[in-house]
Amino acid sequence: MDVAVVIVSYDSLRDLTPCLEALARSTHARFSVVICENAGPEAYGRLTSAVPDRLARGQPVATRLAAGNLGFAGGVNLGIDAC
């Protein structure tokens, strides 16, 4: 993978769907996606139930549960650690 796209979420599944759809349409195909959920286990469960493991062209999508609300920077750091 050439690029890792880190997305920080706070129970924002509604916004993630169009974001992932846009990434799937990207002309750059060599990337992976990491979504860090800051809103706790319930939000993480909804996230993992709704988000695919791979985008339409095969790019992997990983999810990570933060140990609490780490904020944006903390979520980005958690995502970078997952790469």
Protein backbone atom coordinates (compact mmCIF):
# COMPACT_ATOMS: atom_id res chain seq x y z
CA MET A 1 0.00 0.00 0.00
CA ASP A 2 1.29 3.43 -0.88
CA VAL A 3 -1.17 5.46 1.19
CA ALA A 4 -3.09 4.90 4.41
CA VAL A 5 -6.30 6.86 4.87
CA VAL A 6 -7.06 7.33 8.56
CA ILE A 7 -10.62 8.35 9.45
CA VAL A 8 -11.52 9.36 13.00
CA SER A 9 -15.13 8.68 13.93
CA TYR A 10 -17.32 9.61 16.85
CA ASP A 11 -20.46 7.57 16.18
CA SER A 12 -20.53 9.06 12.69
CA LEU A 13 -21.55 6.09 10.58
CA ARG A 14 -23.92 8.29 8.58
CA ASP A 15 -20.95 10.33 7.36
CA LEU A 16 -18.67 7.34 6.82
CA THR A 17 -20.79 5.74 4.12
CA PRO A 18 -20.40 8.58 1.57
CA CYS A 19 -16.76 8.96 2.58
CA LEU A 20 -16.01 5.30 1.82
CA GLU A 21 -18.01 5.52 -1.42
CA ALA A 22 -15.88 8.50 -2.49
CA LEU A 23 -12.68 6.64 -1.62
CA ALA A 24 -13.85 3.67 -3.68
CA ARG A 25 -14.17 5.99 -6.70
CA SER A 26 -10.66 7.37 -6.27
CA THR A 27 -8.35 7.15 -9.26
CA HIS A 28 -5.52 6.19 -6.92
CA ALA A 29 -6.06 2.52 -6.11
CA ARG A 30 -3.09 1.69 -3.86
CA PHE A 31 -4.34 2.62 -0.41
CA SER A 32 -5.79 1.15 2.74
CA VAL A 33 -8.35 2.63 5.12
CA VAL A 34 -8.27 2.65 8.93
CA ILE A 35 -11.31 3.91 10.85
CA CYS A 36 -10.79 4.75 14.52
CA GLU A 37 -13.98 4.85 16.60
CA ASN A 38 -13.82 7.22 19.58
CA ALA A 39 -17.43 6.83 20.83
CA GLY A 40 -17.15 3.52 22.67
CA PRO A 41 -18.06 -0.14 22.22
CA GLU A 42 -21.69 0.37 21.15
CA ALA A 43 -20.71 2.74 18.35
CA TYR A 44 -17.88 0.39 17.41
CA GLY A 45 -20.33 -2.49 17.11
CA ARG A 46 -22.54 -0.48 14.76
CA LEU A 47 -19.46 0.53 12.79
CA THR A 48 -18.13 -2.99 12.33
CA SER A 49 -21.59 -4.27 11.36
CA ALA A 50 -22.00 -1.67 8.63
CA VAL A 51 -18.52 -1.13 7.20
CA PRO A 52 -17.11 -3.59 4.65
CA ASP A 53 -13.74 -5.31 5.13
CA ARG A 54 -12.77 -4.16 1.65
CA LEU A 55 -13.86 -1.46 -0.76
CA ALA A 56 -15.25 -2.33 -4.19
CA ARG A 57 -11.78 -2.43 -5.80
CA GLY A 58 -10.22 -4.49 -3.01
CA GLN A 59 -8.67 -1.87 -0.76
CA PRO A 60 -8.68 -3.13 2.84
CA VAL A 61 -10.75 -1.36 5.50
CA ALA A 62 -9.68 -1.87 9.12
CA THR A 63 -11.46 -0.63 12.23
CA ARG A 64 -10.03 0.20 15.63
CA LEU A 65 -11.78 0.95 18.90
CA ALA A 66 -10.19 3.72 20.92
CA ALA A 67 -9.89 3.20 24.67
CA GLY A 68 -12.00 6.32 25.18
CA ASN A 69 -12.51 9.58 23.34
CA LEU A 70 -8.95 10.31 22.24
CA GLY A 71 -9.98 13.34 20.21
CA PHE A 72 -8.95 13.86 16.61
CA ALA A 73 -5.18 13.77 17.10
CA GLY A 74 -5.35 10.72 19.35
CA GLY A 75 -7.57 8.93 16.85
CA VAL A 76 -5.17 9.72 14.02
CA ASN A 77 -2.29 8.39 16.12
CA LEU A 78 -4.22 5.19 16.83
CA GLY A 79 -4.86 4.80 13.12
CA ILE A 80 -1.21 5.37 12.24
CA ASP A 81 -0.21 2.76 14.82
CA ALA A 82 -2.53 0.29 13.06
CA CYS A 83 -0.76 0.76 9.71
